[in-house]
Structure formats: C-alpha cells, structure tokens
Amino acid sequence: MSSAAPVIGPATGDKGFRRSRPKPPRKGVPHRRGVRAFWPQYVAVSPFFLLFLAFGLFPVGFSAWLAFHNWDGINPVTFAGLDQFRFLAQDATFRKAVGNTFVIWILSTVPMLVMSLALASLLNSVKRFKTFYQVVLFVPSVTSIVAITIFFKAIFNTSYGLVNIVLTGIGLPAVDWLSGPWTIKIVLAVLTTWQWVGYNAIIYFAGMQAIPGEIYEAAKLDGAGPLRSFWSITVPMLRPIILFTVIVSTITGMQTFTEPQVLFGSNASINPNSGGPGQAGLTMVLYFYQQAFTNNNFGYGAAIAYAVFAIVAVFAIINWRIVARSED
C-alpha cells in the first residue's frame, strides 16, 4: 500500500504538514493596548493637567475673549471690539502707572543685582559658617510679602519710624516718606531690594562655586589682584546667570502689586488701590486690579492685563538681547 508523497514547498515543514501563516496585526490595536496598559499613570498625572486647564489655560483664554467685550460681572456681556485697547492707548492714568513701574524697577533692580554680586563674592571668600550665611540671606525671599510691607511701613513712618528717628538723631530733618512722589518710589524700591537681594546672591554664589579654582590661581600668578580677578574672571563667567537674574528681576519688578497695595491699605483717606498720594506708587498690575476688581470693569481690566504682558515680554527680550550681545 503506497503512501502519498509529502507536499513540498515553502509552506511545508519537515514532516510535510502545511503551516498556517500568522495573520497580520490590525492597525491601531497596539496603540490602544498601550494606552490602556498605562492608564494608572495617566490617572496619576491627570490632576495637574485638570488644575492647569481650570486655573491656567481657561482664565488666559477667557481674559483674551473678555478684552474685546464689556462686562461688569452682573449684566450681560456686550461686544466692544477694539474700544478697550483704543481707550487704553489714551489713558493717562495707565501711562502714569507704566512710568511709576519703570522707575521703581530701575531703582530696585540695578542696586539689587550689584549688591547681590558683592554679597555672593563675600560669601564665596569666607571659610566658616557658609550655610548659616546662606540661610540668613535666603530668609527675606521666603517671608510673606504682606509681613515685609507692614514692617517697612512702620520703619518709614513719618512720626515714629526708625528711619526718621535716625535722621533726627544725627541732626537731619524728618522725611515724609509715604507722601512724596519720589520718596514713595524709594520706599518701594528699598522694600523690593531687601526682599530679593539675598535670593540673587545665593544664585550668584552657586555660580561662583562652579568656577574652577585653577583659573584664579593662574590669574594670581600673573599678578592679578582680587578686584581684577573679579571683573576679568568672575563676572564674565557668570554672564549666563546674570542674564537669568536680570530677566527674572524684570518679570517680577514689572508685576509689583502687593507692596503698594498693602503700604496704603490702612489709610482710610487713601484708596488702597490708587498707589498713595498723587498715585505715586500706582503700578501697572495695581491699576489692573483697580479697574477689574474695584470698578468691576472686567473687560478693560483684561485689556490692561494683556498690555502688561506685552510690556513685560518686550523688556525681557530687550534685556536678554543686551546681555547676550555683550557675552558674544
């Protein structure tokens, strides 16, 4: 009895049994399986994105829409087009707020960064208790802004302030710090400088720690003194960090709000959102708060907010270009 010959071909195995080809996977199945496989991870990170959507992305989009409308929070919303921005371009109070913000920013940022560099250099030169000095320098930046403002308000008080006590003690006349157009700006600049000088000093100190000591030793062998080494080695190698602090100081300085608002908040004869006598301490963000949440003009407040954003972005880019060009 003869047996049939085995089937020969690419689809046969050693024993002549025909093998079935595996079916190709359907498109999209592995991707769906991957998403389903990692659903616990997506659930774990979802709270951040939900909070960002609710309190970050949605307010930004809603304020952009609101800048082209009139709304007082109660009555129906009405379309205004570009009227808010046209009025903003002619608003003398907003221009004054912009000028006040620039003056306070210049009076605070330039001395603050110079003092931060000096403090960081001194901290880098000490041999003992470095951690203690770092903590002392960093404490003002983590202290409540409201508490700091109240403290400085008491120090610069006309009647019983510590500054006027010292001035009268050395034979100088007392100064009405919280009433003059320039003295108000000086108080706000000193307050901002005291709050952030230690923070920037710690950043500069960290950058100085990364500079190799062999460079200073070579400069010392060439006859360079401490001051020459500071300007020729330390400052050039800290330029990226200086750029960072300048940009951050620009962003924070242009958004000054809590200091003038708290500084004049307890004076019943002065609107706490007006920036003091003669609106000398009125800043851009304080003016935005005044229009949006005091006058309930939310559409105009949104337009001011986007104007502040544009001004801050432009000046941050200008500072970045200046420092980057000097580095090149």
C-alpha atoms as a PDB file:
ATOM      1  CA  MET A   1       0.000   0.000   0.000  1.00  0.00           C
ATOM      2  CA  SER A   2       1.700   3.173  -1.142  1.00  0.00           C
ATOM      3  CA  SER A   3       1.617   6.390   0.834  1.00  0.00           C
ATOM      4  CA  ALA A   4       1.149   9.812  -0.714  1.00  0.00           C
ATOM      5  CA  ALA A   5       4.276  11.861  -1.223  1.00  0.00           C
ATOM      6  CA  PRO A   6       4.683  14.794   1.163  1.00  0.00           C
ATOM      7  CA  VAL A   7       3.827  18.231  -0.083  1.00  0.00           C
ATOM      8  CA  ILE A   8       6.974  20.126  -0.961  1.00  0.00           C
ATOM      9  CA  GLY A   9       7.005  23.898  -0.947  1.00  0.00           C
ATOM     10  CA  PRO A  10       7.718  26.949   1.141  1.00  0.00           C
ATOM     11  CA  ALA A  11       4.622  26.357   3.230  1.00  0.00           C
ATOM     12  CA  THR A  12       5.634  22.862   4.411  1.00  0.00           C
ATOM     13  CA  GLY A  13       7.547  21.749   7.437  1.00  0.00           C
ATOM     14  CA  ASP A  14       9.917  18.848   7.915  1.00  0.00           C
ATOM     15  CA  LYS A  15       7.112  16.307   8.224  1.00  0.00           C
ATOM     16  CA  GLY A  16       5.115  17.573   5.334  1.00  0.00           C
ATOM     17  CA  PHE A  17       2.348  19.279   7.347  1.00  0.00           C
ATOM     18  CA  ARG A  18       1.186  22.584   5.942  1.00  0.00           C
ATOM     19  CA  ARG A  19       1.790  25.546   8.257  1.00  0.00           C
ATOM     20  CA  SER A  20      -0.711  28.367   8.596  1.00  0.00           C
ATOM     21  CA  ARG A  21       0.609  31.890   8.166  1.00  0.00           C
ATOM     22  CA  PRO A  22       0.004  34.222  11.140  1.00  0.00           C
ATOM     23  CA  LYS A  23      -2.495  36.949  10.492  1.00  0.00           C
ATOM     24  CA  PRO A  24      -1.018  40.479  10.371  1.00  0.00           C
ATOM     25  CA  PRO A  25      -1.957  42.603  13.382  1.00  0.00           C
ATOM     26  CA  ARG A  26      -4.682  45.110  12.865  1.00  0.00           C
ATOM     27  CA  LYS A  27      -3.626  48.719  12.698  1.00  0.00           C
ATOM     28  CA  GLY A  28      -4.205  50.717  15.866  1.00  0.00           C
ATOM     29  CA  VAL A  29      -4.544  47.763  18.222  1.00  0.00           C
ATOM     30  CA  PRO A  30      -1.063  48.002  19.797  1.00  0.00           C
ATOM     31  CA  HIS A  31      -1.549  51.730  20.384  1.00  0.00           C
ATOM     32  CA  ARG A  32      -4.874  51.205  22.117  1.00  0.00           C
ATOM     33  CA  ARG A  33      -3.413  48.438  24.183  1.00  0.00           C
ATOM     34  CA  GLY A  34      -0.522  50.718  25.179  1.00  0.00           C
ATOM     35  CA  VAL A  35      -2.843  53.497  26.339  1.00  0.00           C
ATOM     36  CA  ARG A  36      -4.944  51.030  28.281  1.00  0.00           C
ATOM     37  CA  ALA A  37      -1.879  49.431  29.787  1.00  0.00           C
ATOM     38  CA  PHE A  38      -0.638  52.753  31.211  1.00  0.00           C
ATOM     39  CA  TRP A  39      -3.968  54.151  32.382  1.00  0.00           C
ATOM     40  CA  PRO A  40      -2.875  54.248  36.082  1.00  0.00           C
ATOM     41  CA  GLN A  41      -0.015  56.569  35.135  1.00  0.00           C
ATOM     42  CA  TYR A  42      -2.323  58.818  33.141  1.00  0.00           C
ATOM     43  CA  VAL A  43      -4.748  58.967  36.047  1.00  0.00           C
ATOM     44  CA  ALA A  44      -1.893  59.825  38.415  1.00  0.00           C
ATOM     45  CA  VAL A  45      -0.749  62.846  36.374  1.00  0.00           C
ATOM     46  CA  SER A  46      -4.232  63.979  35.343  1.00  0.00           C
ATOM     47  CA  PRO A  47      -4.876  66.221  38.411  1.00  0.00           C
ATOM     48  CA  PHE A  48      -2.105  68.596  37.341  1.00  0.00           C
ATOM     49  CA  PHE A  49      -3.478  68.950  33.822  1.00  0.00           C
ATOM     50  CA  LEU A  50      -7.031  69.353  35.081  1.00  0.00           C
ATOM     51  CA  LEU A  51      -5.963  72.080  37.514  1.00  0.00           C
ATOM     52  CA  PHE A  52      -3.894  73.766  34.814  1.00  0.00           C
ATOM     53  CA  LEU A  53      -6.846  73.643  32.440  1.00  0.00           C
ATOM     54  CA  ALA A  54      -9.230  75.095  35.035  1.00  0.00           C
ATOM     55  CA  PHE A  55      -6.999  77.712  36.673  1.00  0.00           C
ATOM     56  CA  GLY A  56      -4.381  78.390  33.991  1.00  0.00           C
ATOM     57  CA  LEU A  57      -5.410  77.820  30.411  1.00  0.00           C
ATOM     58  CA  PHE A  58      -9.095  78.682  30.745  1.00  0.00           C
ATOM     59  CA  PRO A  59      -8.529  82.063  32.501  1.00  0.00           C
ATOM     60  CA  VAL A  60      -5.969  83.029  29.855  1.00  0.00           C
ATOM     61  CA  GLY A  61      -8.362  82.225  27.032  1.00  0.00           C
ATOM     62  CA  PHE A  62     -11.366  83.770  28.772  1.00  0.00           C
ATOM     63  CA  SER A  63      -9.488  87.005  29.522  1.00  0.00           C
ATOM     64  CA  ALA A  64      -8.418  87.207  25.873  1.00  0.00           C
ATOM     65  CA  TRP A  65     -12.066  86.928  24.844  1.00  0.00           C
ATOM     66  CA  LEU A  66     -13.135  89.337  27.582  1.00  0.00           C
ATOM     67  CA  ALA A  67     -10.682  92.034  26.435  1.00  0.00           C
ATOM     68  CA  PHE A  68     -12.947  92.620  23.414  1.00  0.00           C
ATOM     69  CA  HIS A  69     -16.143  92.880  25.470  1.00  0.00           C
ATOM     70  CA  ASN A  70     -17.756  94.988  28.189  1.00  0.00           C
ATOM     71  CA  TRP A  71     -18.794  93.199  31.364  1.00  0.00           C
ATOM     72  CA  ASP A  72     -19.307  94.267  34.967  1.00  0.00           C
ATOM     73  CA  GLY A  73     -19.815  90.758  36.321  1.00  0.00           C
ATOM     74  CA  ILE A  74     -23.605  91.015  36.567  1.00  0.00           C
ATOM     75  CA  ASN A  75     -25.136  92.477  33.425  1.00  0.00           C
ATOM     76  CA  PRO A  76     -24.991  90.726  30.040  1.00  0.00           C
ATOM     77  CA  VAL A  77     -21.750  90.825  28.100  1.00  0.00           C
ATOM     78  CA  THR A  78     -21.633  93.251  25.180  1.00  0.00           C
ATOM     79  CA  PHE A  79     -19.168  93.243  22.309  1.00  0.00           C
ATOM     80  CA  ALA A  80     -16.753  96.207  22.309  1.00  0.00           C
ATOM     81  CA  GLY A  81     -14.260  95.287  19.604  1.00  0.00           C
ATOM     82  CA  LEU A  82     -11.030  97.266  19.916  1.00  0.00           C
ATOM     83  CA  ASP A  83     -12.588 100.023  22.025  1.00  0.00           C
ATOM     84  CA  GLN A  84     -10.864  98.794  25.194  1.00  0.00           C
ATOM     85  CA  PHE A  85      -7.426  98.982  23.585  1.00  0.00           C
ATOM     86  CA  ARG A  86      -8.158 102.362  21.992  1.00  0.00           C
ATOM     87  CA  PHE A  87      -9.122 103.781  25.366  1.00  0.00           C
ATOM     88  CA  LEU A  88      -6.051 102.153  26.907  1.00  0.00           C
ATOM     89  CA  ALA A  89      -3.780 103.928  24.413  1.00  0.00           C
ATOM     90  CA  GLN A  90      -5.264 107.277  25.509  1.00  0.00           C
ATOM     91  CA  ASP A  91      -5.465 106.529  29.234  1.00  0.00           C
ATOM     92  CA  ALA A  92      -3.194 108.980  31.087  1.00  0.00           C
ATOM     93  CA  THR A  93      -3.515 107.025  34.319  1.00  0.00           C
ATOM     94  CA  PHE A  94      -2.219 103.873  32.683  1.00  0.00           C
ATOM     95  CA  ARG A  95       0.739 105.788  31.238  1.00  0.00           C
ATOM     96  CA  LYS A  96       1.478 107.098  34.714  1.00  0.00           C
ATOM     97  CA  ALA A  97       1.296 103.586  36.110  1.00  0.00           C
ATOM     98  CA  VAL A  98       3.737 102.399  33.430  1.00  0.00           C
ATOM     99  CA  GLY A  99       6.136 105.233  34.286  1.00  0.00           C
ATOM    100  CA  ASN A 100       5.923 104.502  38.021  1.00  0.00           C
ATOM    101  CA  THR A 101       6.595 100.823  37.395  1.00  0.00           C
ATOM    102  CA  PHE A 102       9.690 101.578  35.296  1.00  0.00           C
ATOM    103  CA  VAL A 103      11.104 103.989  37.877  1.00  0.00           C
ATOM    104  CA  ILE A 104      10.567 101.539  40.750  1.00  0.00           C
ATOM    105  CA  TRP A 105      12.064  98.728  38.666  1.00  0.00           C
ATOM    106  CA  ILE A 106      15.198 100.727  37.841  1.00  0.00           C
ATOM    107  CA  LEU A 107      15.643 101.969  41.421  1.00  0.00           C
ATOM    108  CA  SER A 108      15.372  98.425  42.761  1.00  0.00           C
ATOM    109  CA  THR A 109      16.887  96.144  40.111  1.00  0.00           C
ATOM    110  CA  VAL A 110      20.222  97.864  39.450  1.00  0.00           C
ATOM    111  CA  PRO A 111      21.272  98.277  43.123  1.00  0.00           C
ATOM    112  CA  MET A 112      19.878  94.843  43.968  1.00  0.00           C
ATOM    113  CA  LEU A 113      21.961  92.990  41.374  1.00  0.00           C
ATOM    114  CA  VAL A 114      25.124  94.927  42.278  1.00  0.00           C
ATOM    115  CA  MET A 115      24.618  94.210  45.968  1.00  0.00           C
ATOM    116  CA  SER A 116      23.863  90.556  45.201  1.00  0.00           C
ATOM    117  CA  LEU A 117      27.151  90.203  43.323  1.00  0.00           C
ATOM    118  CA  ALA A 118      29.044  91.822  46.194  1.00  0.00           C
ATOM    119  CA  LEU A 119      27.372  89.630  48.823  1.00  0.00           C
ATOM    120  CA  ALA A 120      27.965  86.484  46.757  1.00  0.00           C
ATOM    121  CA  SER A 121      31.639  87.379  46.395  1.00  0.00           C
ATOM    122  CA  LEU A 122      31.965  87.918  50.153  1.00  0.00           C
ATOM    123  CA  LEU A 123      30.140  84.653  50.838  1.00  0.00           C
ATOM    124  CA  ASN A 124      32.431  82.838  48.427  1.00  0.00           C
ATOM    125  CA  SER A 125      35.505  84.147  50.243  1.00  0.00           C
ATOM    126  CA  VAL A 126      34.522  83.138  53.785  1.00  0.00           C
ATOM    127  CA  LYS A 127      35.764  79.843  55.166  1.00  0.00           C
ATOM    128  CA  ARG A 128      33.357  79.112  58.007  1.00  0.00           C
ATOM    129  CA  PHE A 129      29.580  79.277  58.641  1.00  0.00           C
ATOM    130  CA  LYS A 130      28.707  79.436  54.925  1.00  0.00           C
ATOM    131  CA  THR A 131      25.473  77.525  55.451  1.00  0.00           C
ATOM    132  CA  PHE A 132      24.387  79.931  58.188  1.00  0.00           C
ATOM    133  CA  TYR A 133      25.026  82.954  55.982  1.00  0.00           C
ATOM    134  CA  GLN A 134      23.128  81.357  53.100  1.00  0.00           C
ATOM    135  CA  VAL A 135      20.099  80.782  55.332  1.00  0.00           C
ATOM    136  CA  VAL A 136      20.235  84.370  56.571  1.00  0.00           C
ATOM    137  CA  LEU A 137      20.373  85.706  53.021  1.00  0.00           C
ATOM    138  CA  PHE A 138      17.527  83.494  51.837  1.00  0.00           C
ATOM    139  CA  VAL A 139      15.104  84.234  54.680  1.00  0.00           C
ATOM    140  CA  PRO A 140      13.718  87.545  53.238  1.00  0.00           C
ATOM    141  CA  SER A 141      12.741  85.881  49.950  1.00  0.00           C
ATOM    142  CA  VAL A 142      10.588  83.262  51.708  1.00  0.00           C
ATOM    143  CA  THR A 143       8.996  85.700  54.146  1.00  0.00           C
ATOM    144  CA  SER A 144       5.448  86.875  53.478  1.00  0.00           C
ATOM    145  CA  ILE A 145       5.348  89.972  51.281  1.00  0.00           C
ATOM    146  CA  VAL A 146       2.492  91.357  53.346  1.00  0.00           C
ATOM    147  CA  ALA A 147       4.515  90.992  56.558  1.00  0.00           C
ATOM    148  CA  ILE A 148       7.558  92.612  54.956  1.00  0.00           C
ATOM    149  CA  THR A 149       5.473  95.535  53.681  1.00  0.00           C
ATOM    150  CA  ILE A 150       3.887  96.150  57.086  1.00  0.00           C
ATOM    151  CA  PHE A 151       7.345  96.033  58.671  1.00  0.00           C
ATOM    152  CA  PHE A 152       8.758  98.587  56.230  1.00  0.00           C
ATOM    153  CA  LYS A 153       5.693 100.769  56.628  1.00  0.00           C
ATOM    154  CA  ALA A 154       6.453 101.019  60.337  1.00  0.00           C
ATOM    155  CA  ILE A 155      10.148 101.722  59.670  1.00  0.00           C
ATOM    156  CA  PHE A 156       9.406 104.586  57.244  1.00  0.00           C
ATOM    157  CA  ASN A 157       6.545 106.062  59.254  1.00  0.00           C
ATOM    158  CA  THR A 158       6.751 109.845  59.482  1.00  0.00           C
ATOM    159  CA  SER A 159       6.029 110.138  63.217  1.00  0.00           C
ATOM    160  CA  TYR A 160       7.634 107.119  64.859  1.00  0.00           C
ATOM    161  CA  GLY A 161       9.563 105.384  62.056  1.00  0.00           C
ATOM    162  CA  LEU A 162      13.068 104.144  62.757  1.00  0.00           C
ATOM    163  CA  VAL A 163      14.490 105.902  59.684  1.00  0.00           C
ATOM    164  CA  ASN A 164      13.254 109.324  60.785  1.00  0.00           C
ATOM    165  CA  ILE A 165      14.450 108.688  64.340  1.00  0.00           C
ATOM    166  CA  VAL A 166      17.946 108.075  62.986  1.00  0.00           C
ATOM    167  CA  LEU A 167      17.757 111.143  60.724  1.00  0.00           C
ATOM    168  CA  THR A 168      16.656 113.454  63.528  1.00  0.00           C
ATOM    169  CA  GLY A 169      19.248 111.880  65.815  1.00  0.00           C
ATOM    170  CA  ILE A 170      22.081 112.977  63.532  1.00  0.00           C
ATOM    171  CA  GLY A 171      20.611 116.454  63.023  1.00  0.00           C
ATOM    172  CA  LEU A 172      18.781 115.949  59.724  1.00  0.00           C
ATOM    173  CA  PRO A 173      15.103 116.800  59.179  1.00  0.00           C
ATOM    174  CA  ALA A 174      12.475 114.066  59.158  1.00  0.00           C
ATOM    175  CA  VAL A 175      11.154 112.978  55.774  1.00  0.00           C
ATOM    176  CA  ASP A 176       7.526 112.214  54.943  1.00  0.00           C
ATOM    177  CA  TRP A 177       8.416 109.000  53.151  1.00  0.00           C
ATOM    178  CA  LEU A 178       4.877 107.851  52.360  1.00  0.00           C
ATOM    179  CA  SER A 179       3.604 111.113  50.882  1.00  0.00           C
ATOM    180  CA  GLY A 180       6.196 112.415  48.438  1.00  0.00           C
ATOM    181  CA  PRO A 181       6.114 111.370  44.765  1.00  0.00           C
ATOM    182  CA  TRP A 182       9.742 110.216  44.805  1.00  0.00           C
ATOM    183  CA  THR A 183      10.001 109.031  48.400  1.00  0.00           C
ATOM    184  CA  ILE A 184       7.163 106.571  47.819  1.00  0.00           C
ATOM    185  CA  LYS A 185       9.088 105.059  44.911  1.00  0.00           C
ATOM    186  CA  ILE A 186      12.258 104.916  47.019  1.00  0.00           C
ATOM    187  CA  VAL A 187      10.435 103.055  49.799  1.00  0.00           C
ATOM    188  CA  LEU A 188       9.017 100.540  47.309  1.00  0.00           C
ATOM    189  CA  ALA A 189      12.442 100.111  45.686  1.00  0.00           C
ATOM    190  CA  VAL A 190      14.136  99.546  49.063  1.00  0.00           C
ATOM    191  CA  LEU A 191      11.448  97.048  50.009  1.00  0.00           C
ATOM    192  CA  THR A 192      11.899  95.102  46.773  1.00  0.00           C
ATOM    193  CA  THR A 193      15.688  95.206  47.049  1.00  0.00           C
ATOM    194  CA  TRP A 194      15.660  93.905  50.624  1.00  0.00           C
ATOM    195  CA  GLN A 195      13.346  91.079  49.650  1.00  0.00           C
ATOM    196  CA  TRP A 196      15.269  89.741  46.626  1.00  0.00           C
ATOM    197  CA  VAL A 197      18.910  90.697  47.154  1.00  0.00           C
ATOM    198  CA  GLY A 198      19.616  87.538  49.148  1.00  0.00           C
ATOM    199  CA  TYR A 199      17.881  85.300  46.628  1.00  0.00           C
ATOM    200  CA  ASN A 200      20.041  86.596  43.777  1.00  0.00           C
ATOM    201  CA  ALA A 201      23.143  86.436  45.974  1.00  0.00           C
ATOM    202  CA  ILE A 202      22.561  82.716  46.570  1.00  0.00           C
ATOM    203  CA  ILE A 203      22.218  82.160  42.808  1.00  0.00           C
ATOM    204  CA  TYR A 204      25.441  84.064  42.119  1.00  0.00           C
ATOM    205  CA  PHE A 205      27.187  82.174  44.899  1.00  0.00           C
ATOM    206  CA  ALA A 206      26.191  78.852  43.329  1.00  0.00           C
ATOM    207  CA  GLY A 207      27.605  80.037  40.014  1.00  0.00           C
ATOM    208  CA  MET A 208      30.872  81.102  41.657  1.00  0.00           C
ATOM    209  CA  GLN A 209      31.218  77.675  43.212  1.00  0.00           C
ATOM    210  CA  ALA A 210      31.232  76.168  39.717  1.00  0.00           C
ATOM    211  CA  ILE A 211      34.186  78.301  38.538  1.00  0.00           C
ATOM    212  CA  PRO A 212      37.404  76.233  38.700  1.00  0.00           C
ATOM    213  CA  GLY A 213      39.874  77.466  41.297  1.00  0.00           C
ATOM    214  CA  GLU A 214      42.790  76.894  38.939  1.00  0.00           C
ATOM    215  CA  ILE A 215      41.723  79.937  36.938  1.00  0.00           C
ATOM    216  CA  TYR A 216      42.033  82.188  39.983  1.00  0.00           C
ATOM    217  CA  GLU A 217      45.386  80.625  40.872  1.00  0.00           C
ATOM    218  CA  ALA A 218      46.720  81.262  37.362  1.00  0.00           C
ATOM    219  CA  ALA A 219      45.488  84.859  37.491  1.00  0.00           C
ATOM    220  CA  LYS A 220      47.138  85.318  40.888  1.00  0.00           C
ATOM    221  CA  LEU A 221      50.453  84.040  39.491  1.00  0.00           C
ATOM    222  CA  ASP A 222      50.125  86.593  36.672  1.00  0.00           C
ATOM    223  CA  GLY A 223      49.816  89.362  39.259  1.00  0.00           C
ATOM    224  CA  ALA A 224      46.046  89.909  39.182  1.00  0.00           C
ATOM    225  CA  GLY A 225      44.527  91.194  42.417  1.00  0.00           C
ATOM    226  CA  PRO A 226      41.122  90.323  43.879  1.00  0.00           C
ATOM    227  CA  LEU A 227      39.335  93.184  42.119  1.00  0.00           C
ATOM    228  CA  ARG A 228      40.947  92.392  38.775  1.00  0.00           C
ATOM    229  CA  SER A 229      40.092  88.704  39.123  1.00  0.00           C
ATOM    230  CA  PHE A 230      36.505  89.608  39.978  1.00  0.00           C
ATOM    231  CA  TRP A 231      35.968  91.755  36.864  1.00  0.00           C
ATOM    232  CA  SER A 232      38.036  89.636  34.466  1.00  0.00           C
ATOM    233  CA  ILE A 233      37.097  86.124  35.627  1.00  0.00           C
ATOM    234  CA  THR A 234      34.051  86.055  37.906  1.00  0.00           C
ATOM    235  CA  VAL A 235      31.755  88.469  36.066  1.00  0.00           C
ATOM    236  CA  PRO A 236      32.416  87.089  32.522  1.00  0.00           C
ATOM    237  CA  MET A 237      31.863  83.501  33.668  1.00  0.00           C
ATOM    238  CA  LEU A 238      28.668  84.495  35.491  1.00  0.00           C
ATOM    239  CA  ARG A 239      27.086  86.183  32.465  1.00  0.00           C
ATOM    240  CA  PRO A 240      24.524  83.401  31.790  1.00  0.00           C
ATOM    241  CA  ILE A 241      23.470  83.544  35.445  1.00  0.00           C
ATOM    242  CA  ILE A 242      23.393  87.345  35.359  1.00  0.00           C
ATOM    243  CA  LEU A 243      21.150  87.109  32.293  1.00  0.00           C
ATOM    244  CA  PHE A 244      18.810  84.809  34.206  1.00  0.00           C
ATOM    245  CA  THR A 245      18.614  87.137  37.222  1.00  0.00           C
ATOM    246  CA  VAL A 246      18.076  90.196  35.027  1.00  0.00           C
ATOM    247  CA  ILE A 247      15.170  88.555  33.200  1.00  0.00           C
ATOM    248  CA  VAL A 248      13.597  87.236  36.402  1.00  0.00           C
ATOM    249  CA  SER A 249      14.031  90.632  38.100  1.00  0.00           C
ATOM    250  CA  THR A 250      12.424  92.313  35.106  1.00  0.00           C
ATOM    251  CA  ILE A 251       9.424  89.995  35.181  1.00  0.00           C
ATOM    252  CA  THR A 252       8.911  90.312  38.946  1.00  0.00           C
ATOM    253  CA  GLY A 253       9.652  94.049  39.056  1.00  0.00           C
ATOM    254  CA  MET A 254       7.146  94.827  36.317  1.00  0.00           C
ATOM    255  CA  GLN A 255       4.448  92.960  38.259  1.00  0.00           C
ATOM    256  CA  THR A 256       4.764  94.864  41.541  1.00  0.00           C
ATOM    257  CA  PHE A 257       1.359  94.771  43.228  1.00  0.00           C
ATOM    258  CA  THR A 258       1.269  93.658  46.850  1.00  0.00           C
ATOM    259  CA  GLU A 259       3.752  96.223  48.165  1.00  0.00           C
ATOM    260  CA  PRO A 260       1.886  99.428  47.172  1.00  0.00           C
ATOM    261  CA  GLN A 261      -1.483  97.841  47.843  1.00  0.00           C
ATOM    262  CA  VAL A 262      -0.582  96.937  51.438  1.00  0.00           C
ATOM    263  CA  LEU A 263       1.510 100.063  52.010  1.00  0.00           C
ATOM    264  CA  PHE A 264      -1.534 102.334  51.679  1.00  0.00           C
ATOM    265  CA  GLY A 265      -4.241  99.845  52.657  1.00  0.00           C
ATOM    266  CA  SER A 266      -4.797 101.025  56.233  1.00  0.00           C
ATOM    267  CA  ASN A 267      -5.114 104.731  55.397  1.00  0.00           C
ATOM    268  CA  ALA A 268      -8.828 105.468  55.341  1.00  0.00           C
ATOM    269  CA  SER A 269      -8.333 108.736  53.425  1.00  0.00           C
ATOM    270  CA  ILE A 270      -6.494 106.992  50.590  1.00  0.00           C
ATOM    271  CA  ASN A 271      -7.851 104.396  48.217  1.00  0.00           C
ATOM    272  CA  PRO A 272      -5.559 101.394  48.802  1.00  0.00           C
ATOM    273  CA  ASN A 273      -5.647 100.650  45.078  1.00  0.00           C
ATOM    274  CA  SER A 274      -4.665 104.176  43.986  1.00  0.00           C
ATOM    275  CA  GLY A 275      -0.988 103.862  44.841  1.00  0.00           C
ATOM    276  CA  GLY A 276      -0.832 106.502  47.542  1.00  0.00           C
ATOM    277  CA  PRO A 277      -0.953 110.312  47.354  1.00  0.00           C
ATOM    278  CA  GLY A 278      -0.815 111.575  43.808  1.00  0.00           C
ATOM    279  CA  GLN A 279      -0.820 107.960  42.562  1.00  0.00           C
ATOM    280  CA  ALA A 280       2.956 107.991  43.011  1.00  0.00           C
ATOM    281  CA  GLY A 281       3.004 104.271  43.841  1.00  0.00           C
ATOM    282  CA  LEU A 282       0.437 103.154  41.275  1.00  0.00           C
ATOM    283  CA  THR A 283       1.880 100.269  39.250  1.00  0.00           C
ATOM    284  CA  MET A 284       0.555  98.533  36.153  1.00  0.00           C
ATOM    285  CA  VAL A 285      -0.721  95.450  37.982  1.00  0.00           C
ATOM    286  CA  LEU A 286      -2.236  97.570  40.758  1.00  0.00           C
ATOM    287  CA  TYR A 287      -4.075  99.624  38.126  1.00  0.00           C
ATOM    288  CA  PHE A 288      -5.321  96.404  36.535  1.00  0.00           C
ATOM    289  CA  TYR A 289      -6.635  95.264  39.937  1.00  0.00           C
ATOM    290  CA  GLN A 290      -8.278  98.642  40.483  1.00  0.00           C
ATOM    291  CA  GLN A 291     -10.160  98.549  37.190  1.00  0.00           C
ATOM    292  CA  ALA A 292     -11.131  94.866  37.265  1.00  0.00           C
ATOM    293  CA  PHE A 293     -11.953  94.180  40.909  1.00  0.00           C
ATOM    294  CA  THR A 294     -12.676  97.627  42.361  1.00  0.00           C
ATOM    295  CA  ASN A 295     -14.505  99.261  39.439  1.00  0.00           C
ATOM    296  CA  ASN A 296     -15.846  95.900  38.157  1.00  0.00           C
ATOM    297  CA  ASN A 297     -14.745  96.767  34.629  1.00  0.00           C
ATOM    298  CA  PHE A 298     -13.539  93.305  33.726  1.00  0.00           C
ATOM    299  CA  GLY A 299     -13.218  93.915  30.000  1.00  0.00           C
ATOM    300  CA  TYR A 300     -10.918  96.898  30.469  1.00  0.00           C
ATOM    301  CA  GLY A 301      -9.031  95.008  33.161  1.00  0.00           C
ATOM    302  CA  ALA A 302      -8.382  92.157  30.732  1.00  0.00           C
ATOM    303  CA  ALA A 303      -7.073  94.630  28.161  1.00  0.00           C
ATOM    304  CA  ILE A 304      -4.700  96.084  30.778  1.00  0.00           C
ATOM    305  CA  ALA A 305      -3.530  92.579  31.716  1.00  0.00           C
ATOM    306  CA  TYR A 306      -2.572  91.794  28.133  1.00  0.00           C
ATOM    307  CA  ALA A 307      -0.873  95.172  27.760  1.00  0.00           C
ATOM    308  CA  VAL A 308       1.177  94.406  30.886  1.00  0.00           C
ATOM    309  CA  PHE A 309       2.074  91.012  29.437  1.00  0.00           C
ATOM    310  CA  ALA A 310       3.249  92.611  26.195  1.00  0.00           C
ATOM    311  CA  ILE A 311       5.345  95.224  28.014  1.00  0.00           C
ATOM    312  CA  VAL A 312       6.973  92.629  30.277  1.00  0.00           C
ATOM    313  CA  ALA A 313       7.724  90.349  27.324  1.00  0.00           C
ATOM    314  CA  VAL A 314       9.265  93.181  25.290  1.00  0.00           C
ATOM    315  CA  PHE A 315      11.524  94.345  28.121  1.00  0.00           C
ATOM    316  CA  ALA A 316      12.535  90.785  28.983  1.00  0.00           C
ATOM    317  CA  ILE A 317      13.560  90.225  25.348  1.00  0.00           C
ATOM    318  CA  ILE A 318      15.457  93.543  25.287  1.00  0.00           C
ATOM    319  CA  ASN A 319      17.364  92.625  28.457  1.00  0.00           C
ATOM    320  CA  TRP A 320      18.137  89.185  27.070  1.00  0.00           C
ATOM    321  CA  ARG A 321      19.459  90.622  23.813  1.00  0.00           C
ATOM    322  CA  ILE A 322      21.619  93.209  25.590  1.00  0.00           C
ATOM    323  CA  VAL A 323      23.234  90.693  27.922  1.00  0.00           C
ATOM    324  CA  ALA A 324      23.577  88.043  25.209  1.00  0.00           C
ATOM    325  CA  ARG A 325      25.197  90.530  22.832  1.00  0.00           C
ATOM    326  CA  SER A 326      27.673  91.641  25.497  1.00  0.00           C
ATOM    327  CA  GLU A 327      28.514  87.973  26.089  1.00  0.00           C
ATOM    328  CA  ASP A 328      29.165  87.439  22.359  1.00  0.00           C
END
